[in-house]
Protein backbone atom coordinates (compact mmCIF):
# COMPACT_ATOMS: atom_id res chain seq x y z
CA MET A 1 -70.85 17.91 1.10
CA LYS A 2 -72.53 16.58 -2.03
CA ASP A 3 -70.78 14.26 -4.41
CA ILE A 4 -70.30 15.30 -8.02
CA LEU A 5 -73.12 13.15 -9.44
CA SER A 6 -75.56 14.71 -6.96
CA LEU A 7 -74.49 18.17 -8.12
CA VAL A 8 -75.27 17.20 -11.71
CA SER A 9 -78.62 15.62 -10.89
CA ASP A 10 -79.67 18.64 -8.82
CA LEU A 11 -79.24 21.10 -11.71
CA ARG A 12 -82.47 22.76 -12.76
CA ARG A 13 -82.53 24.01 -16.32
CA PRO A 14 -85.29 24.67 -18.86
CA ARG A 15 -86.93 21.51 -20.13
CA LEU A 16 -86.13 22.22 -23.79
CA LEU A 17 -82.43 22.75 -23.00
CA ILE A 18 -82.28 19.43 -21.13
CA ARG A 19 -84.18 17.59 -23.84
CA ALA A 20 -81.73 18.83 -26.49
CA ALA A 21 -78.77 17.89 -24.27
CA ARG A 22 -80.12 14.36 -23.76
CA ILE A 23 -80.32 13.90 -27.52
CA GLY A 24 -76.75 15.17 -27.84
CA ALA A 25 -75.55 12.90 -25.03
CA GLN A 26 -76.67 9.84 -27.00
CA GLU A 27 -73.98 10.64 -29.58
CA TYR A 28 -71.35 11.74 -27.04
CA GLN A 29 -67.80 10.75 -27.91
CA ARG A 30 -65.34 11.76 -25.25
CA ASP A 31 -62.25 12.65 -27.30
CA PRO A 32 -63.67 15.02 -29.91
CA HIS A 33 -66.32 16.58 -27.69
CA LEU A 34 -64.13 17.24 -24.65
CA HIS A 35 -61.29 18.57 -26.80
CA ARG A 36 -63.69 21.02 -28.42
CA ILE A 37 -65.00 22.21 -25.05
CA LEU A 38 -61.91 22.05 -22.81
CA GLY A 39 -59.20 22.60 -25.38
CA TYR A 40 -56.56 20.27 -26.68
CA GLY A 41 -54.06 18.41 -24.55
CA ASN A 42 -54.43 15.49 -22.18
CA LEU A 43 -58.01 14.81 -21.27
CA PRO A 44 -58.80 14.79 -17.55
CA ARG A 45 -60.41 11.80 -15.88
CA PRO A 46 -64.23 11.82 -15.85
CA GLY A 47 -64.55 13.30 -12.34
CA GLU A 48 -62.22 16.21 -13.04
CA ALA A 49 -63.74 16.75 -16.49
CA LEU A 50 -67.19 16.88 -14.93
CA MET A 51 -66.07 19.50 -12.40
CA ARG A 52 -64.64 21.67 -15.19
CA LEU A 53 -67.80 21.22 -17.24
CA LEU A 54 -69.93 22.21 -14.24
CA SER A 55 -67.95 25.43 -13.95
CA ILE A 56 -68.32 26.21 -17.67
CA GLU A 57 -72.03 25.40 -17.56
CA GLY A 58 -72.51 27.65 -14.54
CA ASP A 59 -70.97 30.54 -16.46
CA LEU A 60 -73.20 29.81 -19.45
CA ASP A 61 -76.29 29.71 -17.26
CA GLU A 62 -75.39 33.09 -15.75
CA MET A 63 -75.05 34.47 -19.28
CA ARG A 64 -78.44 33.00 -20.16
CA HIS A 65 -80.11 34.57 -17.15
CA GLY A 66 -78.40 37.91 -17.72
CA GLY A 67 -79.38 38.14 -21.38
CA ASP A 68 -75.70 38.38 -22.38
CA ALA A 69 -75.26 38.92 -26.12
CA GLY A 70 -72.41 36.39 -26.12
CA TYR A 71 -74.62 33.56 -24.86
CA SER A 72 -74.82 30.60 -27.22
CA VAL A 73 -77.62 28.07 -26.83
CA SER A 74 -75.75 25.55 -28.97
CA ARG A 75 -72.66 25.85 -26.76
CA HIS A 76 -74.84 25.40 -23.66
CA VAL A 77 -76.40 22.25 -25.13
CA GLU A 78 -72.95 20.96 -26.09
CA VAL A 79 -71.63 21.44 -22.54
CA LEU A 80 -74.74 19.88 -20.95
CA SER A 81 -74.45 16.90 -23.34
CA ALA A 82 -70.81 16.44 -22.35
CA MET A 83 -71.79 16.65 -18.68
CA MET A 84 -74.36 13.91 -19.18
CA GLY A 85 -71.84 11.77 -21.05
CA GLU A 86 -69.17 12.22 -18.38
CA ALA A 87 -71.68 11.50 -15.60
CA ARG A 88 -72.61 8.28 -17.40
CA LEU A 89 -68.91 7.31 -17.57
CA LEU A 90 -68.46 8.11 -13.90
CA ARG A 91 -71.50 6.03 -12.89
CA THR A 92 -70.32 3.00 -14.86
CA ALA A 93 -66.65 3.19 -13.80
CA PRO A 94 -65.52 0.40 -11.50
CA ARG A 95 -65.28 1.50 -7.86
CA PRO A 96 -61.93 1.07 -6.12
CA THR A 97 -62.01 -1.42 -3.29
CA SER A 98 -60.20 -0.61 -0.08
């Protein structure tokens, strides 16, 4: 089974979408961005947040492929940016020693 960071790195999306998300990820601030995407309440830890974002992004990508009228490019970029920001947090988090 793949770990969560491998799942994120294995995503294949259009180059322009990824480029826009990378620009957005530079300005990523966890509290306001995650609240806007996931809703208000307690924020999950980076791993759980990333799993939820992966699910949301998968739905958005299906909408994109299907030509759904409700598809929003800006929302897709926002979710991808948050995924990149959360992946960065997860990579830099100290590893538990056991």
